[in-house]
């Protein structure tokens, strides 16, 4: 069976994968993709106040990346161990981990802090589906505080092999992060500075926060020949009653709802598709969403999208192509390579209108 045409590949020189953000986040390049004119223009993120209109509304994902990368050793063997905290459920942790040999329920992991000193002990309780483990700290401690003590920034593998440096603590976090829970940054939001947000507000563009805790599944490639066969990952999200009212009012007044990042799109469209097809209705939403946006999909909440450049064969790229149109987005990606845009988490951005 032939692969779905949306799952296109493109040749990307490794030198175009950004390893550091720019000194000033808003100096990142911004490719403007106009769906109506099928046109591509080149700007910078700092130009957003010029590109946005009075009455528009930016929707920002305020999730906060937790230092979820774990390092330690197996107490029984002394063997090296690596793990990634995924989420907490009633005091228990869900994690994925790797080590030499086979782990067994009941094993103790000695966690190390960023200086390599023993910091805590983690008890592996049960092997779960999908390579996950159920675990808990031997000495109870609030999860966020514990991770701040000994966790590391969970960088994707394409940035320095996933090895953090001190500056990543600030760089791999949006300036509007408020709700701890993500294991990866909502990268489109990394381009904003407090000053740029003030300029956008002064233009008369509204700002609304939603939450989607980005999970490990966001990086999982599509490996099946048909999109219909892909099992979409689930992530926890929230759109408050206040946010729903702001977005509905913007649309009713003729303003554009501009999602900052594919994560914001998933929250907005999950909420919009829970209103039984009522036009322009956005209901509050709290809970898990496994919404997979792929053709054919009716966008009910989002009028424009600000996003980074994504890996091929991922659900993120499928979402962007579904929104922007297959032909123009493929052309945009090829032009981005030709013009040497910076790719992925610390890279440049695209605004699809």
C-alpha atoms as a PDB file:
ATOM      1  CA  UNK A   1       0.000   0.000   0.000  1.00  0.00           C
ATOM      2  CA  UNK A   2       1.524   3.384  -0.955  1.00  0.00           C
ATOM      3  CA  UNK A   3       2.317   5.868   1.785  1.00  0.00           C
ATOM      4  CA  UNK A   4      -0.143   8.680   2.290  1.00  0.00           C
ATOM      5  CA  UNK A   5       1.045  11.674   0.197  1.00  0.00           C
ATOM      6  CA  UNK A   6       0.835  13.942   3.246  1.00  0.00           C
ATOM      7  CA  UNK A   7       3.717  12.075   4.837  1.00  0.00           C
ATOM      8  CA  UNK A   8       6.344  13.649   2.644  1.00  0.00           C
ATOM      9  CA  UNK A   9      10.042  13.626   3.311  1.00  0.00           C
ATOM     10  CA  UNK A  10      12.437  16.437   2.596  1.00  0.00           C
ATOM     11  CA  UNK A  11      16.214  16.633   2.613  1.00  0.00           C
ATOM     12  CA  UNK A  12      17.448  18.735   5.527  1.00  0.00           C
ATOM     13  CA  UNK A  13      21.151  19.445   6.003  1.00  0.00           C
ATOM     14  CA  UNK A  14      22.081  18.839   9.634  1.00  0.00           C
ATOM     15  CA  UNK A  15      23.559  22.331   9.844  1.00  0.00           C
ATOM     16  CA  UNK A  16      20.024  23.765   9.563  1.00  0.00           C
ATOM     17  CA  UNK A  17      18.887  22.069  12.801  1.00  0.00           C
ATOM     18  CA  UNK A  18      19.152  24.859  15.362  1.00  0.00           C
ATOM     19  CA  UNK A  19      21.222  23.925  18.426  1.00  0.00           C
ATOM     20  CA  UNK A  20      20.703  27.210  20.277  1.00  0.00           C
ATOM     21  CA  UNK A  21      18.010  29.903  20.159  1.00  0.00           C
ATOM     22  CA  UNK A  22      18.891  33.351  18.926  1.00  0.00           C
ATOM     23  CA  UNK A  23      20.082  35.807  21.568  1.00  0.00           C
ATOM     24  CA  UNK A  24      16.855  37.769  21.057  1.00  0.00           C
ATOM     25  CA  UNK A  25      14.014  35.294  20.562  1.00  0.00           C
ATOM     26  CA  UNK A  26      11.925  37.598  18.384  1.00  0.00           C
ATOM     27  CA  UNK A  27      14.755  38.018  15.846  1.00  0.00           C
ATOM     28  CA  UNK A  28      13.888  34.583  14.462  1.00  0.00           C
ATOM     29  CA  UNK A  29      12.852  34.537  10.817  1.00  0.00           C
ATOM     30  CA  UNK A  30       9.156  34.227  10.044  1.00  0.00           C
ATOM     31  CA  UNK A  31       7.849  32.739   6.809  1.00  0.00           C
ATOM     32  CA  UNK A  32       4.409  34.113   5.966  1.00  0.00           C
ATOM     33  CA  UNK A  33       2.255  31.640   4.024  1.00  0.00           C
ATOM     34  CA  UNK A  34      -0.898  33.193   2.564  1.00  0.00           C
ATOM     35  CA  UNK A  35      -3.360  30.427   1.696  1.00  0.00           C
ATOM     36  CA  UNK A  36      -5.647  32.706  -0.283  1.00  0.00           C
ATOM     37  CA  UNK A  37      -2.915  34.064  -2.560  1.00  0.00           C
ATOM     38  CA  UNK A  38      -0.840  30.861  -2.421  1.00  0.00           C
ATOM     39  CA  UNK A  39       2.041  33.221  -1.712  1.00  0.00           C
ATOM     40  CA  UNK A  40       5.145  33.019   0.487  1.00  0.00           C
ATOM     41  CA  UNK A  41       6.866  36.030   2.047  1.00  0.00           C
ATOM     42  CA  UNK A  42       9.835  36.405   4.408  1.00  0.00           C
ATOM     43  CA  UNK A  43       9.625  38.426   7.619  1.00  0.00           C
ATOM     44  CA  UNK A  44      10.837  38.184  11.231  1.00  0.00           C
ATOM     45  CA  UNK A  45       8.884  37.290  14.371  1.00  0.00           C
ATOM     46  CA  UNK A  46       9.470  40.850  15.635  1.00  0.00           C
ATOM     47  CA  UNK A  47       7.274  42.006  12.706  1.00  0.00           C
ATOM     48  CA  UNK A  48       4.152  40.350  14.141  1.00  0.00           C
ATOM     49  CA  UNK A  49       2.617  43.658  15.329  1.00  0.00           C
ATOM     50  CA  UNK A  50       2.682  44.747  11.677  1.00  0.00           C
ATOM     51  CA  UNK A  51       1.248  41.478  10.375  1.00  0.00           C
ATOM     52  CA  UNK A  52      -1.573  41.153  12.916  1.00  0.00           C
ATOM     53  CA  UNK A  53      -4.787  43.189  12.848  1.00  0.00           C
ATOM     54  CA  UNK A  54      -6.576  45.077  15.583  1.00  0.00           C
ATOM     55  CA  UNK A  55      -9.300  42.734  16.853  1.00  0.00           C
ATOM     56  CA  UNK A  56      -7.297  39.554  16.272  1.00  0.00           C
ATOM     57  CA  UNK A  57      -6.586  37.197  19.161  1.00  0.00           C
ATOM     58  CA  UNK A  58      -3.451  35.156  19.829  1.00  0.00           C
ATOM     59  CA  UNK A  59      -4.017  31.893  21.693  1.00  0.00           C
ATOM     60  CA  UNK A  60      -0.952  30.824  23.687  1.00  0.00           C
ATOM     61  CA  UNK A  61      -0.231  27.483  25.357  1.00  0.00           C
ATOM     62  CA  UNK A  62       0.840  28.304  28.921  1.00  0.00           C
ATOM     63  CA  UNK A  63       2.104  24.817  29.778  1.00  0.00           C
ATOM     64  CA  UNK A  64       5.399  24.762  31.670  1.00  0.00           C
ATOM     65  CA  UNK A  65       8.127  22.258  30.829  1.00  0.00           C
ATOM     66  CA  UNK A  66       9.157  20.273  33.893  1.00  0.00           C
ATOM     67  CA  UNK A  67      12.768  19.027  34.256  1.00  0.00           C
ATOM     68  CA  UNK A  68      11.636  15.526  33.375  1.00  0.00           C
ATOM     69  CA  UNK A  69      14.901  13.951  32.211  1.00  0.00           C
ATOM     70  CA  UNK A  70      16.253  11.610  34.907  1.00  0.00           C
ATOM     71  CA  UNK A  71      19.651  10.018  35.413  1.00  0.00           C
ATOM     72  CA  UNK A  72      20.844   7.504  37.976  1.00  0.00           C
ATOM     73  CA  UNK A  73      22.018   3.968  38.579  1.00  0.00           C
ATOM     74  CA  UNK A  74      20.447   0.622  39.479  1.00  0.00           C
ATOM     75  CA  UNK A  75      21.012  -0.002  43.170  1.00  0.00           C
ATOM     76  CA  UNK A  76      21.323  -3.754  42.688  1.00  0.00           C
ATOM     77  CA  UNK A  77      23.916  -3.732  39.896  1.00  0.00           C
ATOM     78  CA  UNK A  78      25.355  -0.218  39.811  1.00  0.00           C
ATOM     79  CA  UNK A  79      24.473  -0.086  36.117  1.00  0.00           C
ATOM     80  CA  UNK A  80      23.745   3.220  34.422  1.00  0.00           C
ATOM     81  CA  UNK A  81      20.047   4.168  34.124  1.00  0.00           C
ATOM     82  CA  UNK A  82      18.199   6.905  32.250  1.00  0.00           C
ATOM     83  CA  UNK A  83      14.550   7.841  32.519  1.00  0.00           C
ATOM     84  CA  UNK A  84      11.913  10.350  31.522  1.00  0.00           C
ATOM     85  CA  UNK A  85       9.085  11.413  33.821  1.00  0.00           C
ATOM     86  CA  UNK A  86       5.801  11.490  31.883  1.00  0.00           C
ATOM     87  CA  UNK A  87       3.125  12.396  34.412  1.00  0.00           C
ATOM     88  CA  UNK A  88       1.915  11.883  37.980  1.00  0.00           C
ATOM     89  CA  UNK A  89      -1.220   9.935  38.864  1.00  0.00           C
ATOM     90  CA  UNK A  90      -2.332   9.973  42.506  1.00  0.00           C
ATOM     91  CA  UNK A  91       1.214  10.142  43.830  1.00  0.00           C
ATOM     92  CA  UNK A  92       2.617   7.537  41.426  1.00  0.00           C
ATOM     93  CA  UNK A  93       4.847   8.359  38.480  1.00  0.00           C
ATOM     94  CA  UNK A  94       4.593   7.107  34.940  1.00  0.00           C
ATOM     95  CA  UNK A  95       8.037   6.985  33.378  1.00  0.00           C
ATOM     96  CA  UNK A  96       9.949   5.472  30.498  1.00  0.00           C
ATOM     97  CA  UNK A  97      13.512   4.330  31.082  1.00  0.00           C
ATOM     98  CA  UNK A  98      16.436   2.488  29.555  1.00  0.00           C
ATOM     99  CA  UNK A  99      19.396   0.581  30.916  1.00  0.00           C
ATOM    100  CA  UNK A 100      21.501  -2.435  30.047  1.00  0.00           C
ATOM    101  CA  UNK A 101      19.801  -5.673  30.947  1.00  0.00           C
ATOM    102  CA  UNK A 102      16.194  -6.228  31.924  1.00  0.00           C
ATOM    103  CA  UNK A 103      14.554  -4.250  34.698  1.00  0.00           C
ATOM    104  CA  UNK A 104      12.360  -6.075  37.200  1.00  0.00           C
ATOM    105  CA  UNK A 105       9.480  -4.820  39.363  1.00  0.00           C
ATOM    106  CA  UNK A 106      10.750  -3.936  42.813  1.00  0.00           C
ATOM    107  CA  UNK A 107      14.088  -2.542  41.659  1.00  0.00           C
ATOM    108  CA  UNK A 108      15.432   0.615  43.261  1.00  0.00           C
ATOM    109  CA  UNK A 109      16.974   3.388  41.158  1.00  0.00           C
ATOM    110  CA  UNK A 110      19.360   5.839  42.814  1.00  0.00           C
ATOM    111  CA  UNK A 111      18.613   9.166  41.116  1.00  0.00           C
ATOM    112  CA  UNK A 112      21.432  11.657  40.674  1.00  0.00           C
ATOM    113  CA  UNK A 113      21.275  15.451  40.621  1.00  0.00           C
ATOM    114  CA  UNK A 114      22.802  17.581  37.871  1.00  0.00           C
ATOM    115  CA  UNK A 115      26.211  17.383  39.555  1.00  0.00           C
ATOM    116  CA  UNK A 116      26.095  13.590  39.671  1.00  0.00           C
ATOM    117  CA  UNK A 117      25.414  13.306  43.408  1.00  0.00           C
ATOM    118  CA  UNK A 118      22.832  10.855  44.830  1.00  0.00           C
ATOM    119  CA  UNK A 119      19.601  12.801  45.297  1.00  0.00           C
ATOM    120  CA  UNK A 120      16.713  10.351  45.823  1.00  0.00           C
ATOM    121  CA  UNK A 121      15.598   6.753  45.368  1.00  0.00           C
ATOM    122  CA  UNK A 122      12.933   5.677  42.909  1.00  0.00           C
ATOM    123  CA  UNK A 123      11.055   2.397  43.327  1.00  0.00           C
ATOM    124  CA  UNK A 124       9.981   0.670  40.087  1.00  0.00           C
ATOM    125  CA  UNK A 125       6.625  -0.908  40.835  1.00  0.00           C
ATOM    126  CA  UNK A 126       5.074  -2.301  37.661  1.00  0.00           C
ATOM    127  CA  UNK A 127       5.820  -2.594  33.958  1.00  0.00           C
ATOM    128  CA  UNK A 128       2.998  -1.042  31.906  1.00  0.00           C
ATOM    129  CA  UNK A 129       2.018  -1.088  28.249  1.00  0.00           C
ATOM    130  CA  UNK A 130       3.946   0.960  25.725  1.00  0.00           C
ATOM    131  CA  UNK A 131       7.274   0.620  27.513  1.00  0.00           C
ATOM    132  CA  UNK A 132       6.131   2.669  30.502  1.00  0.00           C
ATOM    133  CA  UNK A 133       6.716   1.934  34.181  1.00  0.00           C
ATOM    134  CA  UNK A 134       4.740   2.794  37.274  1.00  0.00           C
ATOM    135  CA  UNK A 135       7.084   4.110  39.963  1.00  0.00           C
ATOM    136  CA  UNK A 136       7.206   6.224  43.094  1.00  0.00           C
ATOM    137  CA  UNK A 137       9.790   8.001  45.190  1.00  0.00           C
ATOM    138  CA  UNK A 138      10.765   6.069  48.313  1.00  0.00           C
ATOM    139  CA  UNK A 139      10.569   9.248  50.353  1.00  0.00           C
ATOM    140  CA  UNK A 140       7.382  11.139  49.424  1.00  0.00           C
ATOM    141  CA  UNK A 141       7.998  14.620  48.046  1.00  0.00           C
ATOM    142  CA  UNK A 142       5.929  16.970  45.859  1.00  0.00           C
ATOM    143  CA  UNK A 143       6.679  15.990  42.287  1.00  0.00           C
ATOM    144  CA  UNK A 144       7.461  19.460  40.935  1.00  0.00           C
ATOM    145  CA  UNK A 145       9.848  20.157  43.822  1.00  0.00           C
ATOM    146  CA  UNK A 146      11.550  16.796  43.371  1.00  0.00           C
ATOM    147  CA  UNK A 147      12.067  17.286  39.650  1.00  0.00           C
ATOM    148  CA  UNK A 148      13.462  20.757  40.246  1.00  0.00           C
ATOM    149  CA  UNK A 149      16.048  19.198  42.574  1.00  0.00           C
ATOM    150  CA  UNK A 150      17.367  16.440  40.357  1.00  0.00           C
ATOM    151  CA  UNK A 151      15.669  16.577  36.952  1.00  0.00           C
ATOM    152  CA  UNK A 152      17.183  17.872  33.751  1.00  0.00           C
ATOM    153  CA  UNK A 153      15.630  19.790  30.862  1.00  0.00           C
ATOM    154  CA  UNK A 154      14.138  17.144  28.495  1.00  0.00           C
ATOM    155  CA  UNK A 155      15.692  18.371  25.259  1.00  0.00           C
ATOM    156  CA  UNK A 156      14.839  16.490  22.063  1.00  0.00           C
ATOM    157  CA  UNK A 157      17.620  14.271  20.725  1.00  0.00           C
ATOM    158  CA  UNK A 158      18.392  16.546  17.775  1.00  0.00           C
ATOM    159  CA  UNK A 159      19.638  19.305  20.130  1.00  0.00           C
ATOM    160  CA  UNK A 160      23.101  18.276  21.322  1.00  0.00           C
ATOM    161  CA  UNK A 161      22.034  14.670  21.601  1.00  0.00           C
ATOM    162  CA  UNK A 162      19.532  15.664  24.303  1.00  0.00           C
ATOM    163  CA  UNK A 163      22.271  16.951  26.632  1.00  0.00           C
ATOM    164  CA  UNK A 164      21.214  20.116  28.425  1.00  0.00           C
ATOM    165  CA  UNK A 165      23.396  23.070  29.314  1.00  0.00           C
ATOM    166  CA  UNK A 166      22.560  25.622  32.006  1.00  0.00           C
ATOM    167  CA  UNK A 167      21.050  28.117  29.554  1.00  0.00           C
ATOM    168  CA  UNK A 168      18.420  25.568  28.456  1.00  0.00           C
ATOM    169  CA  UNK A 169      16.632  25.990  31.789  1.00  0.00           C
ATOM    170  CA  UNK A 170      15.476  29.402  30.567  1.00  0.00           C
ATOM    171  CA  UNK A 171      15.718  28.978  26.802  1.00  0.00           C
ATOM    172  CA  UNK A 172      13.523  25.857  26.593  1.00  0.00           C
ATOM    173  CA  UNK A 173      10.609  27.608  28.316  1.00  0.00           C
ATOM    174  CA  UNK A 174       8.147  30.197  27.063  1.00  0.00           C
ATOM    175  CA  UNK A 175       7.956  33.549  28.851  1.00  0.00           C
ATOM    176  CA  UNK A 176       4.259  32.877  29.533  1.00  0.00           C
ATOM    177  CA  UNK A 177       4.658  29.350  30.975  1.00  0.00           C
ATOM    178  CA  UNK A 178       2.452  28.978  34.066  1.00  0.00           C
ATOM    179  CA  UNK A 179       1.103  25.406  34.374  1.00  0.00           C
ATOM    180  CA  UNK A 180       3.741  22.689  35.069  1.00  0.00           C
ATOM    181  CA  UNK A 181       3.257  19.410  33.237  1.00  0.00           C
ATOM    182  CA  UNK A 182       4.910  19.312  29.795  1.00  0.00           C
ATOM    183  CA  UNK A 183       7.864  17.113  28.862  1.00  0.00           C
ATOM    184  CA  UNK A 184       8.504  19.129  25.690  1.00  0.00           C
ATOM    185  CA  UNK A 185       8.157  22.830  24.968  1.00  0.00           C
ATOM    186  CA  UNK A 186       5.342  24.274  22.841  1.00  0.00           C
ATOM    187  CA  UNK A 187       8.058  25.546  20.545  1.00  0.00           C
ATOM    188  CA  UNK A 188       6.138  28.177  18.562  1.00  0.00           C
ATOM    189  CA  UNK A 189       5.771  30.073  21.843  1.00  0.00           C
ATOM    190  CA  UNK A 190       9.539  30.198  22.379  1.00  0.00           C
ATOM    191  CA  UNK A 191       9.803  33.122  19.947  1.00  0.00           C
ATOM    192  CA  UNK A 192       7.910  35.576  22.155  1.00  0.00           C
ATOM    193  CA  UNK A 193       9.460  38.085  24.537  1.00  0.00           C
ATOM    194  CA  UNK A 194       7.674  40.172  27.140  1.00  0.00           C
ATOM    195  CA  UNK A 195       8.350  43.255  25.010  1.00  0.00           C
ATOM    196  CA  UNK A 196       6.885  41.699  21.875  1.00  0.00           C
ATOM    197  CA  UNK A 197       3.751  40.653  23.779  1.00  0.00           C
ATOM    198  CA  UNK A 198       3.370  44.255  25.000  1.00  0.00           C
ATOM    199  CA  UNK A 199       3.624  45.539  21.431  1.00  0.00           C
ATOM    200  CA  UNK A 200       1.012  43.044  20.267  1.00  0.00           C
ATOM    201  CA  UNK A 201      -1.307  44.053  23.096  1.00  0.00           C
ATOM    202  CA  UNK A 202      -0.850  47.739  22.236  1.00  0.00           C
ATOM    203  CA  UNK A 203      -1.872  46.940  18.648  1.00  0.00           C
ATOM    204  CA  UNK A 204      -5.259  45.869  20.003  1.00  0.00           C
ATOM    205  CA  UNK A 205      -4.673  42.145  19.598  1.00  0.00           C
ATOM    206  CA  UNK A 206      -6.101  40.036  22.399  1.00  0.00           C
ATOM    207  CA  UNK A 207      -4.091  37.393  24.255  1.00  0.00           C
ATOM    208  CA  UNK A 208      -5.720  34.230  25.574  1.00  0.00           C
ATOM    209  CA  UNK A 209      -4.058  31.333  27.404  1.00  0.00           C
ATOM    210  CA  UNK A 210      -4.958  27.656  27.058  1.00  0.00           C
ATOM    211  CA  UNK A 211      -3.087  24.633  28.394  1.00  0.00           C
ATOM    212  CA  UNK A 212      -1.902  21.476  26.678  1.00  0.00           C
ATOM    213  CA  UNK A 213       0.751  19.450  28.474  1.00  0.00           C
ATOM    214  CA  UNK A 214       2.970  18.295  25.618  1.00  0.00           C
ATOM    215  CA  UNK A 215       3.768  14.592  25.967  1.00  0.00           C
ATOM    216  CA  UNK A 216       6.374  12.205  24.631  1.00  0.00           C
ATOM    217  CA  UNK A 217       4.014  11.076  21.879  1.00  0.00           C
ATOM    218  CA  UNK A 218       4.375  14.390  20.078  1.00  0.00           C
ATOM    219  CA  UNK A 219       7.738  13.167  18.717  1.00  0.00           C
ATOM    220  CA  UNK A 220       6.482   9.753  17.608  1.00  0.00           C
ATOM    221  CA  UNK A 221       6.713   9.377  13.804  1.00  0.00           C
ATOM    222  CA  UNK A 222       3.941   7.930  11.713  1.00  0.00           C
ATOM    223  CA  UNK A 223       5.115   4.475  10.656  1.00  0.00           C
ATOM    224  CA  UNK A 224       1.940   3.070   9.070  1.00  0.00           C
ATOM    225  CA  UNK A 225       1.077   3.429   5.370  1.00  0.00           C
ATOM    226  CA  UNK A 226      -2.280   5.094   6.022  1.00  0.00           C
ATOM    227  CA  UNK A 227      -3.110   7.945   8.373  1.00  0.00           C
ATOM    228  CA  UNK A 228      -6.266   6.097   9.358  1.00  0.00           C
ATOM    229  CA  UNK A 229      -4.136   3.373  10.945  1.00  0.00           C
ATOM    230  CA  UNK A 230      -2.050   5.694  13.126  1.00  0.00           C
ATOM    231  CA  UNK A 231      -2.825   5.546  16.848  1.00  0.00           C
ATOM    232  CA  UNK A 232      -2.796   9.139  18.068  1.00  0.00           C
ATOM    233  CA  UNK A 233      -1.285   9.911  21.457  1.00  0.00           C
ATOM    234  CA  UNK A 234      -3.334  11.565  24.194  1.00  0.00           C
ATOM    235  CA  UNK A 235      -2.428  14.768  26.051  1.00  0.00           C
ATOM    236  CA  UNK A 236      -4.141  16.670  28.861  1.00  0.00           C
ATOM    237  CA  UNK A 237      -5.551  20.074  27.987  1.00  0.00           C
ATOM    238  CA  UNK A 238      -7.753  22.843  29.316  1.00  0.00           C
ATOM    239  CA  UNK A 239      -9.683  25.744  27.851  1.00  0.00           C
ATOM    240  CA  UNK A 240     -11.263  27.760  30.648  1.00  0.00           C
ATOM    241  CA  UNK A 241     -14.723  29.377  30.521  1.00  0.00           C
ATOM    242  CA  UNK A 242     -13.025  32.796  30.367  1.00  0.00           C
ATOM    243  CA  UNK A 243     -10.851  31.716  27.445  1.00  0.00           C
ATOM    244  CA  UNK A 244     -13.836  30.207  25.631  1.00  0.00           C
ATOM    245  CA  UNK A 245     -15.788  33.449  26.041  1.00  0.00           C
ATOM    246  CA  UNK A 246     -12.881  35.568  24.752  1.00  0.00           C
ATOM    247  CA  UNK A 247     -12.424  33.399  21.680  1.00  0.00           C
ATOM    248  CA  UNK A 248     -16.144  33.291  20.899  1.00  0.00           C
ATOM    249  CA  UNK A 249     -16.377  37.083  21.243  1.00  0.00           C
ATOM    250  CA  UNK A 250     -13.420  37.572  18.896  1.00  0.00           C
ATOM    251  CA  UNK A 251     -14.932  35.390  16.205  1.00  0.00           C
ATOM    252  CA  UNK A 252     -18.357  37.013  16.565  1.00  0.00           C
ATOM    253  CA  UNK A 253     -16.742  40.444  16.102  1.00  0.00           C
ATOM    254  CA  UNK A 254     -14.968  39.329  12.931  1.00  0.00           C
ATOM    255  CA  UNK A 255     -11.486  39.008  14.397  1.00  0.00           C
ATOM    256  CA  UNK A 256      -9.117  36.171  13.616  1.00  0.00           C
ATOM    257  CA  UNK A 257      -8.215  33.492  16.137  1.00  0.00           C
ATOM    258  CA  UNK A 258      -4.507  32.815  15.693  1.00  0.00           C
ATOM    259  CA  UNK A 259      -3.230  29.667  17.361  1.00  0.00           C
ATOM    260  CA  UNK A 260       0.358  29.834  18.548  1.00  0.00           C
ATOM    261  CA  UNK A 261       1.528  26.282  17.963  1.00  0.00           C
ATOM    262  CA  UNK A 262      -0.075  23.000  16.994  1.00  0.00           C
ATOM    263  CA  UNK A 263      -0.751  22.311  20.679  1.00  0.00           C
ATOM    264  CA  UNK A 264      -3.040  25.343  20.896  1.00  0.00           C
ATOM    265  CA  UNK A 265      -4.802  24.142  17.745  1.00  0.00           C
ATOM    266  CA  UNK A 266      -5.534  20.773  19.347  1.00  0.00           C
ATOM    267  CA  UNK A 267      -7.102  22.383  22.422  1.00  0.00           C
ATOM    268  CA  UNK A 268      -9.172  24.842  20.400  1.00  0.00           C
ATOM    269  CA  UNK A 269     -10.453  22.314  17.892  1.00  0.00           C
ATOM    270  CA  UNK A 270     -11.177  19.728  20.584  1.00  0.00           C
ATOM    271  CA  UNK A 271     -13.341  22.313  22.335  1.00  0.00           C
ATOM    272  CA  UNK A 272     -14.993  23.482  19.123  1.00  0.00           C
ATOM    273  CA  UNK A 273     -15.829  19.961  17.989  1.00  0.00           C
ATOM    274  CA  UNK A 274     -17.540  19.215  21.299  1.00  0.00           C
ATOM    275  CA  UNK A 275     -20.344  21.735  20.604  1.00  0.00           C
ATOM    276  CA  UNK A 276     -22.374  19.541  18.232  1.00  0.00           C
ATOM    277  CA  UNK A 277     -21.507  21.600  15.193  1.00  0.00           C
ATOM    278  CA  UNK A 278     -22.818  24.946  16.411  1.00  0.00           C
ATOM    279  CA  UNK A 279     -21.089  27.611  14.277  1.00  0.00           C
ATOM    280  CA  UNK A 280     -18.546  29.794  16.090  1.00  0.00           C
ATOM    281  CA  UNK A 281     -19.305  28.089  19.418  1.00  0.00           C
ATOM    282  CA  UNK A 282     -16.319  27.315  21.619  1.00  0.00           C
ATOM    283  CA  UNK A 283     -17.145  25.401  24.781  1.00  0.00           C
ATOM    284  CA  UNK A 284     -14.889  25.177  27.839  1.00  0.00           C
ATOM    285  CA  UNK A 285     -12.893  21.970  27.891  1.00  0.00           C
ATOM    286  CA  UNK A 286     -10.851  20.061  30.457  1.00  0.00           C
ATOM    287  CA  UNK A 287      -9.446  16.576  30.015  1.00  0.00           C
ATOM    288  CA  UNK A 288      -7.458  14.367  27.689  1.00  0.00           C
ATOM    289  CA  UNK A 289      -7.564  14.862  23.952  1.00  0.00           C
ATOM    290  CA  UNK A 290      -6.443  12.400  21.311  1.00  0.00           C
ATOM    291  CA  UNK A 291      -7.642  14.538  18.419  1.00  0.00           C
ATOM    292  CA  UNK A 292      -5.733  13.692  15.237  1.00  0.00           C
ATOM    293  CA  UNK A 293      -6.133  16.529  12.732  1.00  0.00           C
ATOM    294  CA  UNK A 294      -5.821  15.107   9.227  1.00  0.00           C
ATOM    295  CA  UNK A 295      -7.739  15.427   5.932  1.00  0.00           C
ATOM    296  CA  UNK A 296     -10.580  15.863   5.695  1.00  0.00           C
ATOM    297  CA  UNK A 297     -10.928  18.082   8.760  1.00  0.00           C
ATOM    298  CA  UNK A 298     -13.229  21.038   9.336  1.00  0.00           C
ATOM    299  CA  UNK A 299     -11.464  23.772  11.320  1.00  0.00           C
ATOM    300  CA  UNK A 300     -14.084  25.469  13.487  1.00  0.00           C
ATOM    301  CA  UNK A 301     -11.964  27.611  15.806  1.00  0.00           C
ATOM    302  CA  UNK A 302      -8.633  28.478  14.185  1.00  0.00           C
ATOM    303  CA  UNK A 303      -8.228  31.118  11.476  1.00  0.00           C
ATOM    304  CA  UNK A 304      -4.419  31.347  11.374  1.00  0.00           C
ATOM    305  CA  UNK A 305      -1.503  29.361  12.750  1.00  0.00           C
ATOM    306  CA  UNK A 306       1.958  30.326  13.986  1.00  0.00           C
ATOM    307  CA  UNK A 307       4.188  27.259  14.100  1.00  0.00           C
ATOM    308  CA  UNK A 308       7.777  26.048  13.852  1.00  0.00           C
ATOM    309  CA  UNK A 309       9.150  23.779  11.122  1.00  0.00           C
ATOM    310  CA  UNK A 310       8.472  20.129  11.945  1.00  0.00           C
ATOM    311  CA  UNK A 311       9.969  16.712  11.348  1.00  0.00           C
ATOM    312  CA  UNK A 312       8.691  14.810   8.304  1.00  0.00           C
ATOM    313  CA  UNK A 313       6.236  11.966   8.871  1.00  0.00           C
ATOM    314  CA  UNK A 314       4.839  13.391  12.099  1.00  0.00           C
ATOM    315  CA  UNK A 315       1.307  14.253  13.154  1.00  0.00           C
ATOM    316  CA  UNK A 316       2.473  17.850  13.661  1.00  0.00           C
ATOM    317  CA  UNK A 317       3.355  18.200   9.998  1.00  0.00           C
ATOM    318  CA  UNK A 318       0.113  16.490   8.963  1.00  0.00           C
ATOM    319  CA  UNK A 319      -1.786  19.088  11.019  1.00  0.00           C
ATOM    320  CA  UNK A 320       0.056  21.988   9.392  1.00  0.00           C
ATOM    321  CA  UNK A 321      -0.522  20.597   5.890  1.00  0.00           C
ATOM    322  CA  UNK A 322      -4.190  19.967   6.639  1.00  0.00           C
ATOM    323  CA  UNK A 323      -4.582  23.585   7.725  1.00  0.00           C
ATOM    324  CA  UNK A 324      -2.410  25.258   5.115  1.00  0.00           C
ATOM    325  CA  UNK A 325      -2.904  23.008   2.126  1.00  0.00           C
ATOM    326  CA  UNK A 326      -0.598  20.252   0.920  1.00  0.00           C
ATOM    327  CA  UNK A 327       0.882  22.023  -2.119  1.00  0.00           C
ATOM    328  CA  UNK A 328       1.723  25.379  -0.547  1.00  0.00           C
ATOM    329  CA  UNK A 329       3.107  23.887   2.689  1.00  0.00           C
ATOM    330  CA  UNK A 330       5.354  21.480   0.795  1.00  0.00           C
ATOM    331  CA  UNK A 331       6.549  24.410  -1.303  1.00  0.00           C
ATOM    332  CA  UNK A 332       7.127  26.425   1.859  1.00  0.00           C
ATOM    333  CA  UNK A 333       9.275  23.696   3.387  1.00  0.00           C
ATOM    334  CA  UNK A 334      11.410  23.348   0.286  1.00  0.00           C
ATOM    335  CA  UNK A 335      11.852  27.125   0.177  1.00  0.00           C
ATOM    336  CA  UNK A 336      12.789  27.170   3.865  1.00  0.00           C
ATOM    337  CA  UNK A 337      15.576  24.686   3.164  1.00  0.00           C
ATOM    338  CA  UNK A 338      16.742  26.654   0.142  1.00  0.00           C
ATOM    339  CA  UNK A 339      16.720  29.924   2.115  1.00  0.00           C
ATOM    340  CA  UNK A 340      18.484  28.224   5.038  1.00  0.00           C
ATOM    341  CA  UNK A 341      15.873  28.768   7.705  1.00  0.00           C
ATOM    342  CA  UNK A 342      16.708  27.287  11.103  1.00  0.00           C
ATOM    343  CA  UNK A 343      14.648  24.157  11.831  1.00  0.00           C
ATOM    344  CA  UNK A 344      12.889  22.513  14.784  1.00  0.00           C
ATOM    345  CA  UNK A 345      12.592  23.543  18.453  1.00  0.00           C
ATOM    346  CA  UNK A 346      15.150  26.361  18.591  1.00  0.00           C
ATOM    347  CA  UNK A 347      14.577  27.321  14.959  1.00  0.00           C
ATOM    348  CA  UNK A 348      12.537  29.783  12.920  1.00  0.00           C
ATOM    349  CA  UNK A 349       8.780  30.057  12.459  1.00  0.00           C
ATOM    350  CA  UNK A 350       5.964  30.040   9.927  1.00  0.00           C
ATOM    351  CA  UNK A 351       2.705  32.020  10.015  1.00  0.00           C
ATOM    352  CA  UNK A 352      -0.089  30.471   7.946  1.00  0.00           C
ATOM    353  CA  UNK A 353      -2.980  32.884   7.290  1.00  0.00           C
END
